[in-house]
């Protein structure tokens, strides 16, 4: 298992990225602003995340995604821990992440990795997505924002 920065000559794994965020427009926008990291197993990309700078000394982890046949093995946690280590090594003081109110297991995972809930961006998914998103039988309406101090 290897996690590496995606080479600029390689295309981002859009199938994986769109699994975590269904808007190709939004995914393309943050790929331009951030660095894309991929997790590989025997040359196959099985995971991805993007790290962007949002404010001075603040990074945001966006679009953590694992291939469906690889989920439940702790790989998402490995990607999150890698993103935290990467942010620290790049001298960021804070790392943030946002996820849907319906993303119950992701909210729990982020908290297990040291993130704390800071606020709710009400109606985020209603404002930014044309089609309704449902997960765990719940409509994704609000964004739950979490952060972690890195110093």
Protein backbone atom coordinates (compact mmCIF):
# COMPACT_ATOMS: atom_id res chain seq x y z
CA UNK A 1 0.00 0.00 0.00
CA UNK A 2 1.44 3.32 -1.05
CA UNK A 3 0.09 6.88 -0.84
CA UNK A 4 1.62 9.41 -3.21
CA UNK A 5 1.02 12.80 -4.77
CA UNK A 6 -0.59 12.33 -8.17
CA UNK A 7 1.85 13.20 -10.94
CA UNK A 8 0.78 16.30 -12.89
CA UNK A 9 0.92 14.27 -16.12
CA UNK A 10 -1.67 11.81 -14.79
CA UNK A 11 -5.42 12.28 -14.86
CA UNK A 12 -7.14 12.36 -11.50
CA UNK A 13 -9.27 9.27 -10.75
CA UNK A 14 -12.60 10.95 -11.50
CA UNK A 15 -14.63 7.78 -10.87
CA UNK A 16 -13.42 7.74 -7.28
CA UNK A 17 -13.68 11.50 -6.81
CA UNK A 18 -17.25 11.53 -8.12
CA UNK A 19 -18.12 8.69 -5.75
CA UNK A 20 -17.53 11.13 -2.87
CA UNK A 21 -18.85 14.27 -4.60
CA UNK A 22 -21.33 13.94 -7.47
CA UNK A 23 -20.59 17.38 -8.99
CA UNK A 24 -17.97 17.16 -11.73
CA UNK A 25 -17.82 20.97 -11.79
CA UNK A 26 -17.02 21.23 -8.06
CA UNK A 27 -14.51 18.35 -8.21
CA UNK A 28 -12.71 19.93 -11.19
CA UNK A 29 -12.58 23.28 -9.40
CA UNK A 30 -10.87 21.96 -6.28
CA UNK A 31 -8.52 19.73 -8.28
CA UNK A 32 -7.21 22.95 -9.86
CA UNK A 33 -6.74 24.54 -6.42
CA UNK A 34 -5.30 21.59 -4.53
CA UNK A 35 -2.99 18.61 -4.51
CA UNK A 36 -4.43 15.19 -5.29
CA UNK A 37 -3.04 12.18 -3.41
CA UNK A 38 -3.73 8.60 -4.44
CA UNK A 39 -3.48 5.32 -2.57
CA UNK A 40 -2.23 2.45 -4.71
CA UNK A 41 -2.17 -1.28 -4.20
CA UNK A 42 -0.14 -3.20 -6.78
CA UNK A 43 -0.45 -0.32 -9.26
CA UNK A 44 -4.24 0.02 -8.86
CA UNK A 45 -5.59 3.29 -7.48
CA UNK A 46 -7.89 2.31 -4.61
CA UNK A 47 -8.16 5.60 -2.72
CA UNK A 48 -7.87 9.35 -3.15
CA UNK A 49 -8.01 12.64 -1.31
CA UNK A 50 -7.39 16.27 -2.19
CA UNK A 51 -5.76 18.84 0.09
CA UNK A 52 -6.33 22.53 -0.64
CA UNK A 53 -5.17 25.75 0.98
CA UNK A 54 -8.21 27.76 2.07
CA UNK A 55 -6.69 30.51 4.21
CA UNK A 56 -3.21 31.34 5.52
CA UNK A 57 -2.02 28.41 7.65
CA UNK A 58 -5.25 26.44 6.98
CA UNK A 59 -5.68 23.40 4.74
CA UNK A 60 -8.90 21.66 3.86
CA UNK A 61 -9.20 17.95 3.28
CA UNK A 62 -11.74 17.33 0.53
CA UNK A 63 -13.04 14.25 -1.22
CA UNK A 64 -11.74 11.25 0.72
CA UNK A 65 -12.80 8.23 -1.29
CA UNK A 66 -12.01 4.49 -1.30
CA UNK A 67 -12.97 1.96 -3.99
CA UNK A 68 -16.14 0.19 -2.84
CA UNK A 69 -14.50 -3.27 -2.83
CA UNK A 70 -11.78 -1.94 -0.50
CA UNK A 71 -14.00 -0.20 2.05
CA UNK A 72 -14.15 -1.35 5.67
CA UNK A 73 -10.42 -2.12 5.87
CA UNK A 74 -9.22 1.06 7.59
CA UNK A 75 -7.97 2.62 4.36
CA UNK A 76 -10.04 5.79 4.77
CA UNK A 77 -8.45 6.30 8.17
CA UNK A 78 -5.01 5.83 6.59
CA UNK A 79 -5.80 8.53 3.99
CA UNK A 80 -7.05 10.92 6.67
CA UNK A 81 -3.95 10.33 8.81
CA UNK A 82 -1.76 10.88 5.74
CA UNK A 83 -3.53 14.17 5.00
CA UNK A 84 -2.95 15.34 8.59
CA UNK A 85 0.76 14.43 8.39
CA UNK A 86 1.04 16.17 5.00
CA UNK A 87 -0.62 19.33 6.34
CA UNK A 88 1.72 19.33 9.36
CA UNK A 89 4.81 18.86 7.18
CA UNK A 90 3.66 21.81 5.05
CA UNK A 91 3.47 23.97 8.22
CA UNK A 92 -0.31 24.36 8.28
CA UNK A 93 -1.66 25.10 11.74
CA UNK A 94 -5.22 23.90 11.10
CA UNK A 95 -6.82 21.27 8.92
CA UNK A 96 -10.54 21.39 8.16
CA UNK A 97 -13.01 19.05 6.55
CA UNK A 98 -16.68 19.23 5.64
CA UNK A 99 -19.15 16.41 5.09
CA UNK A 100 -22.86 15.96 4.67
CA UNK A 101 -25.28 15.71 7.57
CA UNK A 102 -26.25 12.30 6.16
CA UNK A 103 -22.66 10.99 6.18
CA UNK A 104 -22.98 9.35 9.59
CA UNK A 105 -19.96 6.99 9.39
CA UNK A 106 -17.73 9.72 7.91
CA UNK A 107 -18.61 12.13 10.74
CA UNK A 108 -17.67 9.41 13.24
CA UNK A 109 -14.43 8.61 11.39
CA UNK A 110 -13.29 12.23 11.30
CA UNK A 111 -13.89 12.52 15.04
CA UNK A 112 -11.94 9.29 15.68
CA UNK A 113 -9.06 10.90 13.73
CA UNK A 114 -9.03 13.95 16.02
CA UNK A 115 -11.35 16.38 14.22
CA UNK A 116 -13.93 18.33 16.21
CA UNK A 117 -17.24 19.70 14.93
CA UNK A 118 -17.02 23.48 14.60
CA UNK A 119 -20.26 24.44 12.90
CA UNK A 120 -23.01 23.59 10.43
CA UNK A 121 -23.26 25.27 7.01
CA UNK A 122 -27.03 25.17 6.74
CA UNK A 123 -28.52 24.32 3.33
CA UNK A 124 -25.05 23.96 1.72
CA UNK A 125 -26.08 21.04 -0.48
CA UNK A 126 -29.35 22.71 -1.43
CA UNK A 127 -27.45 25.80 -2.63
CA UNK A 128 -24.62 24.03 -4.49
CA UNK A 129 -26.14 20.88 -6.01
CA UNK A 130 -28.92 20.68 -8.60
CA UNK A 131 -30.01 17.14 -7.73
CA UNK A 132 -30.92 15.97 -4.22
CA UNK A 133 -28.39 13.68 -2.54
CA UNK A 134 -29.54 10.86 -0.25
CA UNK A 135 -27.34 8.77 1.99
CA UNK A 136 -28.33 6.35 4.75
CA UNK A 137 -31.97 7.16 3.94
CA UNK A 138 -31.38 10.83 4.87
CA UNK A 139 -31.36 13.78 2.49
CA UNK A 140 -28.00 15.54 2.50
CA UNK A 141 -28.91 19.18 3.15
CA UNK A 142 -26.38 20.69 5.57
CA UNK A 143 -22.59 20.51 5.65
CA UNK A 144 -21.05 19.50 8.97
CA UNK A 145 -17.74 21.36 9.35
CA UNK A 146 -14.93 19.90 11.47
CA UNK A 147 -11.37 21.01 12.17
CA UNK A 148 -8.21 19.97 13.97
CA UNK A 149 -5.38 22.09 15.35
CA UNK A 150 -2.01 20.81 14.14
CA UNK A 151 0.44 22.50 16.52
